[in-house]
C-alpha atoms as a PDB file:
ATOM      1  CA  MET A   1      14.874  10.085  11.503  1.00  0.00           C
ATOM      2  CA  ALA A   2      11.960   7.799  13.044  1.00  0.00           C
ATOM      3  CA  ALA A   3       9.426   7.863   9.785  1.00  0.00           C
ATOM      4  CA  SER A   4      12.104   8.282   6.941  1.00  0.00           C
ATOM      5  CA  GLY A   5      10.571   4.939   5.840  1.00  0.00           C
ATOM      6  CA  ILE A   6       6.890   6.742   5.532  1.00  0.00           C
ATOM      7  CA  VAL A   7       5.807   8.900   2.303  1.00  0.00           C
ATOM      8  CA  VAL A   8       2.697  10.533   2.793  1.00  0.00           C
ATOM      9  CA  ILE A   9       0.763  11.903  -0.220  1.00  0.00           C
ATOM     10  CA  PHE A  10      -1.961  14.395   0.553  1.00  0.00           C
ATOM     11  CA  ASP A  11      -4.445  16.092  -2.139  1.00  0.00           C
ATOM     12  CA  PHE A  12      -5.390  19.667  -1.516  1.00  0.00           C
ATOM     13  CA  ASP A  13      -8.804  20.419  -1.661  1.00  0.00           C
ATOM     14  CA  LYS A  14     -11.513  19.426   0.921  1.00  0.00           C
ATOM     15  CA  THR A  15      -8.258  17.440   2.260  1.00  0.00           C
ATOM     16  CA  ILE A  16      -5.577  19.771   3.291  1.00  0.00           C
ATOM     17  CA  ILE A  17      -8.353  22.833   3.194  1.00  0.00           C
ATOM     18  CA  ASP A  18     -11.571  22.331   3.971  1.00  0.00           C
ATOM     19  CA  CYS A  19     -13.114  23.977   0.056  1.00  0.00           C
ATOM     20  CA  ASP A  20     -12.403  23.631  -3.310  1.00  0.00           C
ATOM     21  CA  SER A  21      -9.646  26.576  -3.723  1.00  0.00           C
ATOM     22  CA  ASP A  22     -11.016  27.229  -7.423  1.00  0.00           C
ATOM     23  CA  ASN A  23     -14.499  27.798  -6.273  1.00  0.00           C
ATOM     24  CA  TRP A  24     -13.079  29.675  -3.156  1.00  0.00           C
ATOM     25  CA  VAL A  25     -11.416  32.203  -5.309  1.00  0.00           C
ATOM     26  CA  VAL A  26     -14.518  32.514  -7.878  1.00  0.00           C
ATOM     27  CA  ASP A  27     -16.750  32.840  -5.291  1.00  0.00           C
ATOM     28  CA  GLU A  28     -15.039  35.425  -3.173  1.00  0.00           C
ATOM     29  CA  LEU A  29     -14.151  37.488  -5.967  1.00  0.00           C
ATOM     30  CA  GLY A  30     -17.635  37.675  -6.962  1.00  0.00           C
ATOM     31  CA  ALA A  31     -17.530  35.718 -10.273  1.00  0.00           C
ATOM     32  CA  THR A  32     -19.603  32.638  -9.449  1.00  0.00           C
ATOM     33  CA  GLU A  33     -22.305  33.441 -12.300  1.00  0.00           C
ATOM     34  CA  LEU A  34     -19.898  34.122 -15.031  1.00  0.00           C
ATOM     35  CA  PHE A  35     -18.028  30.661 -13.946  1.00  0.00           C
ATOM     36  CA  ASN A  36     -21.288  28.975 -14.186  1.00  0.00           C
ATOM     37  CA  GLN A  37     -21.937  30.514 -17.610  1.00  0.00           C
ATOM     38  CA  LEU A  38     -18.612  29.585 -19.504  1.00  0.00           C
ATOM     39  CA  LEU A  39     -18.765  25.771 -17.216  1.00  0.00           C
ATOM     40  CA  PRO A  40     -20.443  23.603 -19.723  1.00  0.00           C
ATOM     41  CA  THR A  41     -18.288  25.338 -22.722  1.00  0.00           C
ATOM     42  CA  MET A  42     -14.991  24.100 -21.764  1.00  0.00           C
ATOM     43  CA  PRO A  43     -13.198  21.588 -19.491  1.00  0.00           C
ATOM     44  CA  TRP A  44     -12.319  22.916 -16.143  1.00  0.00           C
ATOM     45  CA  ASN A  45      -8.866  23.462 -16.332  1.00  0.00           C
ATOM     46  CA  SER A  46      -9.203  25.534 -19.049  1.00  0.00           C
ATOM     47  CA  LEU A  47     -12.093  27.620 -17.706  1.00  0.00           C
ATOM     48  CA  MET A  48      -9.812  28.440 -14.215  1.00  0.00           C
ATOM     49  CA  ASP A  49      -7.456  29.870 -16.883  1.00  0.00           C
ATOM     50  CA  GLN A  50     -10.323  31.826 -18.589  1.00  0.00           C
ATOM     51  CA  MET A  51     -11.616  33.357 -15.269  1.00  0.00           C
ATOM     52  CA  MET A  52      -8.078  34.384 -14.266  1.00  0.00           C
ATOM     53  CA  LYS A  53      -8.093  36.317 -17.542  1.00  0.00           C
ATOM     54  CA  GLU A  54     -11.617  37.818 -16.818  1.00  0.00           C
ATOM     55  CA  LEU A  55     -10.539  38.658 -13.321  1.00  0.00           C
ATOM     56  CA  HIS A  56      -7.603  40.418 -14.409  1.00  0.00           C
ATOM     57  CA  SER A  57      -9.354  42.442 -17.334  1.00  0.00           C
ATOM     58  CA  LYS A  58     -11.661  43.839 -14.614  1.00  0.00           C
ATOM     59  CA  GLY A  59      -8.979  45.415 -12.551  1.00  0.00           C
ATOM     60  CA  THR A  60      -8.223  42.114 -10.076  1.00  0.00           C
ATOM     61  CA  LYS A  61      -4.681  41.885  -9.192  1.00  0.00           C
ATOM     62  CA  ILE A  62      -2.417  39.062  -8.365  1.00  0.00           C
ATOM     63  CA  GLU A  63      -2.435  40.105  -4.733  1.00  0.00           C
ATOM     64  CA  ASP A  64      -6.382  40.273  -4.428  1.00  0.00           C
ATOM     65  CA  ILE A  65      -6.186  36.551  -5.567  1.00  0.00           C
ATOM     66  CA  ALA A  66      -3.363  35.969  -2.902  1.00  0.00           C
ATOM     67  CA  ALA A  67      -5.405  37.648   0.159  1.00  0.00           C
ATOM     68  CA  VAL A  68      -8.588  35.444  -0.810  1.00  0.00           C
ATOM     69  CA  LEU A  69      -6.325  32.233  -0.903  1.00  0.00           C
ATOM     70  CA  LYS A  70      -4.830  33.223   2.600  1.00  0.00           C
ATOM     71  CA  ARG A  71      -8.326  33.331   3.993  1.00  0.00           C
ATOM     72  CA  SER A  72      -9.502  29.873   2.790  1.00  0.00           C
ATOM     73  CA  PRO A  73     -10.420  27.405   5.336  1.00  0.00           C
ATOM     74  CA  ILE A  74      -8.278  24.937   7.062  1.00  0.00           C
ATOM     75  CA  HIS A  75      -8.624  22.936  10.186  1.00  0.00           C
ATOM     76  CA  PRO A  76      -5.715  23.880  12.398  1.00  0.00           C
ATOM     77  CA  ARG A  77      -5.318  20.268  13.400  1.00  0.00           C
ATOM     78  CA  ILE A  78      -4.500  19.393   9.655  1.00  0.00           C
ATOM     79  CA  VAL A  79      -1.503  22.025  10.285  1.00  0.00           C
ATOM     80  CA  GLU A  80      -0.667  20.643  13.154  1.00  0.00           C
ATOM     81  CA  ALA A  81      -0.689  16.907  11.686  1.00  0.00           C
ATOM     82  CA  ILE A  82       1.451  18.108   8.784  1.00  0.00           C
ATOM     83  CA  LYS A  83       3.995  19.838  11.142  1.00  0.00           C
ATOM     84  CA  SER A  84       4.161  16.592  13.143  1.00  0.00           C
ATOM     85  CA  ALA A  85       4.569  14.103  10.297  1.00  0.00           C
ATOM     86  CA  HIS A  86       7.272  16.555   8.884  1.00  0.00           C
ATOM     87  CA  ALA A  87       9.311  16.842  11.987  1.00  0.00           C
ATOM     88  CA  LEU A  88       9.088  12.721  12.189  1.00  0.00           C
ATOM     89  CA  GLY A  89      11.004  12.583   9.396  1.00  0.00           C
ATOM     90  CA  CYS A  90       8.111  11.480   6.785  1.00  0.00           C
ATOM     91  CA  ASP A  91       8.635  12.702   3.003  1.00  0.00           C
ATOM     92  CA  LEU A  92       5.274  14.727   2.398  1.00  0.00           C
ATOM     93  CA  LYS A  93       4.205  15.460  -1.053  1.00  0.00           C
ATOM     94  CA  ILE A  94       1.270  16.897  -2.796  1.00  0.00           C
ATOM     95  CA  VAL A  95      -0.669  15.369  -5.519  1.00  0.00           C
ATOM     96  CA  SER A  96      -3.723  17.865  -6.643  1.00  0.00           C
ATOM     97  CA  ASP A  97      -5.883  19.003  -9.416  1.00  0.00           C
ATOM     98  CA  ALA A  98      -5.781  22.277  -8.121  1.00  0.00           C
ATOM     99  CA  ASN A  99      -2.271  24.737  -9.421  1.00  0.00           C
ATOM    100  CA  THR A 100       0.689  25.629  -8.046  1.00  0.00           C
ATOM    101  CA  PHE A 101      -0.094  29.410  -7.546  1.00  0.00           C
ATOM    102  CA  PHE A 102      -3.124  28.493  -5.280  1.00  0.00           C
ATOM    103  CA  ILE A 103      -1.124  25.861  -3.173  1.00  0.00           C
ATOM    104  CA  GLU A 104       1.901  27.537  -2.899  1.00  0.00           C
ATOM    105  CA  THR A 105       0.145  30.816  -1.324  1.00  0.00           C
ATOM    106  CA  ILE A 106      -1.976  28.919   1.053  1.00  0.00           C
ATOM    107  CA  LEU A 107       0.882  26.618   2.100  1.00  0.00           C
ATOM    108  CA  GLU A 108       3.325  29.822   2.730  1.00  0.00           C
ATOM    109  CA  CYS A 109       0.374  31.369   4.615  1.00  0.00           C
ATOM    110  CA  HIS A 110      -0.037  28.294   7.593  1.00  0.00           C
ATOM    111  CA  GLY A 111       4.119  27.384   7.370  1.00  0.00           C
ATOM    112  CA  LEU A 112       3.678  24.642   5.618  1.00  0.00           C
ATOM    113  CA  LYS A 113       5.447  24.989   2.258  1.00  0.00           C
ATOM    114  CA  GLU A 114       8.736  23.157   3.937  1.00  0.00           C
ATOM    115  CA  CYS A 115       7.234  20.656   5.049  1.00  0.00           C
ATOM    116  CA  PHE A 116       6.660  19.522   1.284  1.00  0.00           C
ATOM    117  CA  LEU A 117       9.284  17.879  -0.744  1.00  0.00           C
ATOM    118  CA  GLU A 118       7.007  17.469  -4.244  1.00  0.00           C
ATOM    119  CA  ILE A 119       3.947  19.365  -5.533  1.00  0.00           C
ATOM    120  CA  ASN A 120       2.210  17.458  -8.767  1.00  0.00           C
ATOM    121  CA  THR A 121      -0.473  19.971  -9.879  1.00  0.00           C
ATOM    122  CA  ASN A 122      -1.448  21.858 -12.758  1.00  0.00           C
ATOM    123  CA  PRO A 123       0.993  24.677 -13.350  1.00  0.00           C
ATOM    124  CA  GLY A 124       0.142  28.177 -11.843  1.00  0.00           C
ATOM    125  CA  PHE A 125       2.167  31.186 -12.347  1.00  0.00           C
ATOM    126  CA  VAL A 126       1.687  35.279 -12.809  1.00  0.00           C
ATOM    127  CA  ASP A 127       2.827  36.329 -16.278  1.00  0.00           C
ATOM    128  CA  GLN A 128       4.259  39.389 -17.768  1.00  0.00           C
ATOM    129  CA  GLN A 129       1.423  41.437 -17.266  1.00  0.00           C
ATOM    130  CA  GLY A 130       0.456  40.240 -13.577  1.00  0.00           C
ATOM    131  CA  ARG A 131      -2.339  38.001 -14.950  1.00  0.00           C
ATOM    132  CA  LEU A 132      -2.448  34.582 -13.161  1.00  0.00           C
ATOM    133  CA  ARG A 133      -1.862  31.933 -15.977  1.00  0.00           C
ATOM    134  CA  ILE A 134      -3.050  28.317 -15.211  1.00  0.00           C
ATOM    135  CA  PHE A 135      -2.457  25.380 -17.819  1.00  0.00           C
ATOM    136  CA  PRO A 136      -3.039  21.618 -17.215  1.00  0.00           C
ATOM    137  CA  HIS A 137      -0.642  19.020 -15.186  1.00  0.00           C
ATOM    138  CA  HIS A 138      -1.242  16.918 -18.518  1.00  0.00           C
ATOM    139  CA  ASP A 139      -1.767  18.514 -21.869  1.00  0.00           C
ATOM    140  CA  PHE A 140      -5.013  16.669 -22.879  1.00  0.00           C
ATOM    141  CA  THR A 141      -5.041  18.884 -26.223  1.00  0.00           C
ATOM    142  CA  LYS A 142      -2.190  17.139 -27.601  1.00  0.00           C
ATOM    143  CA  SER A 143      -2.643  13.557 -26.200  1.00  0.00           C
ATOM    144  CA  SER A 144      -4.587  11.542 -23.409  1.00  0.00           C
ATOM    145  CA  HIS A 145      -2.853  10.606 -20.311  1.00  0.00           C
ATOM    146  CA  GLY A 146      -3.570   7.091 -20.814  1.00  0.00           C
ATOM    147  CA  CYS A 147      -6.026   6.355 -18.187  1.00  0.00           C
ATOM    148  CA  GLN A 148      -8.973   4.830 -18.516  1.00  0.00           C
ATOM    149  CA  HIS A 149     -10.801   5.438 -15.387  1.00  0.00           C
ATOM    150  CA  THR A 150     -14.073   7.620 -15.566  1.00  0.00           C
ATOM    151  CA  SER A 151     -12.852   9.237 -12.343  1.00  0.00           C
ATOM    152  CA  CYS A 152      -9.845  11.060 -13.745  1.00  0.00           C
ATOM    153  CA  PRO A 153     -10.059  14.548 -15.598  1.00  0.00           C
ATOM    154  CA  PRO A 154      -8.599  14.359 -18.702  1.00  0.00           C
ATOM    155  CA  ASN A 155      -6.116  16.983 -17.655  1.00  0.00           C
ATOM    156  CA  MET A 156      -4.500  14.839 -14.646  1.00  0.00           C
ATOM    157  CA  CYS A 157      -4.662  11.012 -13.370  1.00  0.00           C
ATOM    158  CA  LYS A 158      -3.497  10.777 -10.433  1.00  0.00           C
ATOM    159  CA  GLY A 159      -2.710   7.235 -10.630  1.00  0.00           C
ATOM    160  CA  ILE A 160       0.074   8.036 -13.043  1.00  0.00           C
ATOM    161  CA  VAL A 161       1.598  10.118 -10.637  1.00  0.00           C
ATOM    162  CA  ILE A 162       1.560   7.782  -7.739  1.00  0.00           C
ATOM    163  CA  GLU A 163       3.031   5.004 -10.165  1.00  0.00           C
ATOM    164  CA  ARG A 164       5.746   7.427 -11.116  1.00  0.00           C
ATOM    165  CA  ILE A 165       6.566   8.284  -7.244  1.00  0.00           C
ATOM    166  CA  GLN A 166       6.599   4.452  -6.567  1.00  0.00           C
ATOM    167  CA  ALA A 167       8.825   3.658  -9.310  1.00  0.00           C
ATOM    168  CA  SER A 168      11.273   6.499  -7.930  1.00  0.00           C
ATOM    169  CA  LEU A 169      10.905   4.933  -4.089  1.00  0.00           C
ATOM    170  CA  SER A 170      11.195   1.652  -5.967  1.00  0.00           C
ATOM    171  CA  MET A 171      15.141   2.065  -6.371  1.00  0.00           C
ATOM    172  CA  GLU A 172      15.628   2.845  -2.315  1.00  0.00           C
ATOM    173  CA  ASP A 173      16.161   0.714   0.311  1.00  0.00           C
ATOM    174  CA  PRO A 174      14.617  -0.270   2.479  1.00  0.00           C
ATOM    175  CA  LYS A 175      11.221  -0.118   0.895  1.00  0.00           C
ATOM    176  CA  LYS A 176       8.863   2.397   1.565  1.00  0.00           C
ATOM    177  CA  THR A 177       5.227   2.922   3.277  1.00  0.00           C
ATOM    178  CA  ILE A 178       3.183   4.925   1.175  1.00  0.00           C
ATOM    179  CA  ILE A 179      -0.461   6.696   3.142  1.00  0.00           C
ATOM    180  CA  TYR A 180      -2.576   8.331   1.020  1.00  0.00           C
ATOM    181  CA  LEU A 181      -5.118  11.064   1.572  1.00  0.00           C
ATOM    182  CA  GLY A 182      -8.131  12.189  -0.469  1.00  0.00           C
ATOM    183  CA  ASP A 183     -11.485  12.932  -0.965  1.00  0.00           C
ATOM    184  CA  GLY A 184     -12.547  13.375  -4.512  1.00  0.00           C
ATOM    185  CA  LEU A 185     -12.944  10.805  -7.464  1.00  0.00           C
ATOM    186  CA  GLY A 186      -9.803  12.044  -8.871  1.00  0.00           C
ATOM    187  CA  ASP A 187      -8.034  10.102  -5.756  1.00  0.00           C
ATOM    188  CA  PHE A 188      -9.779   6.972  -6.512  1.00  0.00           C
ATOM    189  CA  CYS A 189      -7.440   6.047  -9.280  1.00  0.00           C
ATOM    190  CA  PRO A 190      -4.265   6.496  -6.784  1.00  0.00           C
ATOM    191  CA  SER A 191      -6.055   4.501  -4.356  1.00  0.00           C
ATOM    192  CA  LEU A 192      -6.158   1.418  -6.650  1.00  0.00           C
ATOM    193  CA  LYS A 193      -2.390   1.624  -6.814  1.00  0.00           C
ATOM    194  CA  LEU A 194      -1.333   1.296  -3.405  1.00  0.00           C
ATOM    195  CA  GLY A 195       0.410  -1.875  -2.628  1.00  0.00           C
ATOM    196  CA  ASP A 196      -0.156  -4.558   0.685  1.00  0.00           C
ATOM    197  CA  GLY A 197       1.377  -2.595   3.744  1.00  0.00           C
ATOM    198  CA  ASP A 198       0.109   1.049   2.269  1.00  0.00           C
ATOM    199  CA  TYR A 199      -2.709   2.947   3.407  1.00  0.00           C
ATOM    200  CA  VAL A 200      -5.384   4.747   2.189  1.00  0.00           C
ATOM    201  CA  MET A 201      -7.303   7.611   3.980  1.00  0.00           C
ATOM    202  CA  PRO A 202     -10.512   8.488   2.440  1.00  0.00           C
ATOM    203  CA  ARG A 203     -12.564  11.337   3.731  1.00  0.00           C
ATOM    204  CA  LYS A 204     -15.785   9.774   5.002  1.00  0.00           C
ATOM    205  CA  ASP A 205     -18.790  10.423   3.060  1.00  0.00           C
ATOM    206  CA  PHE A 206     -17.062  12.018   0.166  1.00  0.00           C
ATOM    207  CA  PRO A 207     -16.903  10.683  -3.585  1.00  0.00           C
ATOM    208  CA  VAL A 208     -13.786   8.921  -2.657  1.00  0.00           C
ATOM    209  CA  TRP A 209     -14.904   7.125   0.065  1.00  0.00           C
ATOM    210  CA  ASP A 210     -18.469   6.108  -1.698  1.00  0.00           C
ATOM    211  CA  LEU A 211     -16.338   4.504  -4.600  1.00  0.00           C
ATOM    212  CA  ILE A 212     -13.855   2.842  -1.893  1.00  0.00           C
ATOM    213  CA  CYS A 213     -16.955   1.445  -0.456  1.00  0.00           C
ATOM    214  CA  LYS A 214     -18.521   0.112  -3.662  1.00  0.00           C
ATOM    215  CA  ASN A 215     -15.385  -1.182  -4.867  1.00  0.00           C
ATOM    216  CA  ARG A 216     -13.272  -2.480  -1.881  1.00  0.00           C
ATOM    217  CA  SER A 217     -12.086  -5.784  -3.214  1.00  0.00           C
ATOM    218  CA  LEU A 218      -9.758  -3.480  -5.730  1.00  0.00           C
ATOM    219  CA  ILE A 219      -8.169  -1.821  -2.728  1.00  0.00           C
ATOM    220  CA  LYS A 220      -4.912  -3.681  -1.477  1.00  0.00           C
ATOM    221  CA  ALA A 221      -4.159  -0.861   0.795  1.00  0.00           C
ATOM    222  CA  GLN A 222      -5.578  -0.753   4.482  1.00  0.00           C
ATOM    223  CA  ILE A 223      -8.309   1.730   4.374  1.00  0.00           C
ATOM    224  CA  CYS A 224      -8.427   3.928   7.301  1.00  0.00           C
ATOM    225  CA  GLU A 225     -11.322   6.595   6.705  1.00  0.00           C
ATOM    226  CA  TRP A 226     -11.364  10.363   8.448  1.00  0.00           C
ATOM    227  CA  SER A 227     -13.864  13.011   8.360  1.00  0.00           C
ATOM    228  CA  ASN A 228     -12.726  16.196   9.840  1.00  0.00           C
ATOM    229  CA  GLY A 229      -9.807  17.950  10.695  1.00  0.00           C
ATOM    230  CA  GLU A 230      -9.825  16.297  14.219  1.00  0.00           C
ATOM    231  CA  GLY A 231     -10.107  12.782  12.352  1.00  0.00           C
ATOM    232  CA  PHE A 232      -7.305  13.786  10.013  1.00  0.00           C
ATOM    233  CA  LYS A 233      -4.559  14.571  12.823  1.00  0.00           C
ATOM    234  CA  THR A 234      -5.641  11.271  15.025  1.00  0.00           C
ATOM    235  CA  VAL A 235      -5.721   8.959  12.068  1.00  0.00           C
ATOM    236  CA  LEU A 236      -2.539  10.010  10.119  1.00  0.00           C
ATOM    237  CA  LEU A 237      -0.297  10.365  13.290  1.00  0.00           C
ATOM    238  CA  HIS A 238      -1.814   7.104  14.449  1.00  0.00           C
ATOM    239  CA  LEU A 239      -0.733   5.226  11.283  1.00  0.00           C
ATOM    240  CA  ILE A 240       2.623   7.091  11.650  1.00  0.00           C
ATOM    241  CA  SER A 241       3.169   5.378  14.905  1.00  0.00           C
ATOM    242  CA  ARG A 242       2.242   2.235  14.155  1.00  0.00           C
ATOM    243  CA  ILE A 243       4.675   1.673  11.032  1.00  0.00           C
ATOM    244  CA  ILE A 244       7.125   3.195  13.197  1.00  0.00           C
ATOM    245  CA  SER A 245       6.701   0.848  15.664  1.00  0.00           C
ATOM    246  CA  VAL A 246       6.422  -2.123  13.161  1.00  0.00           C
ATOM    247  CA  GLU A 247       9.494  -1.071  11.538  1.00  0.00           C
ATOM    248  CA  GLY A 248      11.358  -0.865  15.133  1.00  0.00           C
ATOM    249  CA  ASN A 249      10.242  -4.130  16.139  1.00  0.00           C
ATOM    250  CA  ASN A 250       8.484  -2.535  18.961  1.00  0.00           C
ATOM    251  CA  THR A 251       6.714  -4.951  21.602  1.00  0.00           C
ATOM    252  CA  SER A 252       2.789  -4.942  21.544  1.00  0.00           C
ATOM    253  CA  ALA A 253       3.121  -3.298  24.714  1.00  0.00           C
ATOM    254  CA  ASN A 254       4.601  -0.108  22.997  1.00  0.00           C
ATOM    255  CA  ILE A 255       1.933  -0.428  20.136  1.00  0.00           C
ATOM    256  CA  ASP A 256      -1.043  -0.392  22.793  1.00  0.00           C
ATOM    257  CA  GLN A 257       0.528   2.798  23.655  1.00  0.00           C
ATOM    258  CA  LEU A 258      -0.401   4.598  20.417  1.00  0.00           C
ATOM    259  CA  TYR A 259      -3.093   6.378  19.240  1.00  0.00           C
ATOM    260  CA  SER A 260      -6.631   4.113  19.242  1.00  0.00           C
ATOM    261  CA  VAL A 261      -8.149   4.349  16.098  1.00  0.00           C
ATOM    262  CA  ASP A 262     -10.200   2.050  14.082  1.00  0.00           C
ATOM    263  CA  CYS A 263      -9.762   1.453  10.438  1.00  0.00           C
ATOM    264  CA  LYS A 264     -13.420   0.620   9.683  1.00  0.00           C
ATOM    265  CA  LEU A 265     -13.034  -0.679   6.153  1.00  0.00           C
ATOM    266  CA  GLU A 266     -11.352  -3.676   5.909  1.00  0.00           C
ATOM    267  CA  THR A 267      -9.238  -4.510   2.627  1.00  0.00           C
ATOM    268  CA  MET A 268      -8.783  -7.412   0.396  1.00  0.00           C
ATOM    269  CA  SER A 269      -5.742  -8.206  -1.735  1.00  0.00           C
ATOM    270  CA  LEU A 270      -6.762  -8.353  -5.308  1.00  0.00           C
ATOM    271  CA  PRO A 271      -4.126  -6.958  -8.082  1.00  0.00           C
ATOM    272  CA  ALA A 272      -4.282  -3.741  -9.269  1.00  0.00           C
ATOM    273  CA  ALA A 273      -3.467  -4.223 -13.233  1.00  0.00           C
ATOM    274  CA  THR A 274      -1.132  -0.885 -14.164  1.00  0.00           C
ATOM    275  CA  GLY A 275       1.284  -0.433 -17.250  1.00  0.00           C
ATOM    276  CA  PRO A 276       4.238   1.687 -17.692  1.00  0.00           C
ATOM    277  CA  GLU A 277       3.473   5.601 -18.403  1.00  0.00           C
ATOM    278  CA  THR A 278       5.533   8.252 -19.759  1.00  0.00           C
ATOM    279  CA  PHE A 279       5.550  10.646 -16.483  1.00  0.00           C
ATOM    280  CA  PRO A 280       5.371  14.584 -16.084  1.00  0.00           C
ATOM    281  CA  GLN A 281       7.872  16.157 -14.255  1.00  0.00           C
ATOM    282  CA  ALA A 282       6.992  17.538 -10.720  1.00  0.00           C
ATOM    283  CA  LEU A 283       7.670  20.778  -8.718  1.00  0.00           C
ATOM    284  CA  HIS A 284      10.449  19.915  -6.400  1.00  0.00           C
ATOM    285  CA  VAL A 285       9.606  22.655  -3.308  1.00  0.00           C
ATOM    286  CA  LEU A 286      12.558  25.058  -2.825  1.00  0.00           C
ATOM    287  CA  HIS A 287      13.323  26.007   0.500  1.00  0.00           C
END
């Protein structure tokens, strides 16, 4: 297909949906006070598993959690953009510090699950008692994931996940182009792993955008910011069109007909130092 040489990798919270899914569930189910009390006592990922235990003990059913997730805010242009990228033939993946149950429930609600070939996130499943269990992507109680960036939480380094994806793509021919979209601190490390010819789309005025602005010389990929659902769709589809045009050796006249978007943050080419890691397995989405 036209865009088969393009891999689009999305963060989930505050990128695909316009909220943090953990906070959304806790707040909507009236457990914010307890969450805030426990927050200083344990890592975030462990806290979310504990919160699911507390909610279950008070009678909250998995259907209640699913209902809350299904009404989480998502801009209709983002839904359109994802469906369009999929229809063009892009390989779509998610790399997120949310969890499988939250992500899959929301994607299914909006008819998006079939668009993604791979979801890299914290495992989340319903046990025999009907309680939602949430576990870390990387078991930090046994070992460190090895990344030294303070922006990466102990349970997941997205940069390591990107390196695994890149290693897999390197065995394919021709070379794939990566577009990475994110908003949070944890999206800075994967942005450092992208190379010349790739693109990073940080959400403007969010933590990853601030970090990139302060460290532009470390980013090899071209940087194209976005702010909201409208910008998400316009910038992403513009980049896909640009890549298709270049790979297809289309004329400049054809390129001029594409979406007109400025990639406002210029990039500078400096090497990003990484090393081989042991990678956890991604969830391959069954359709």
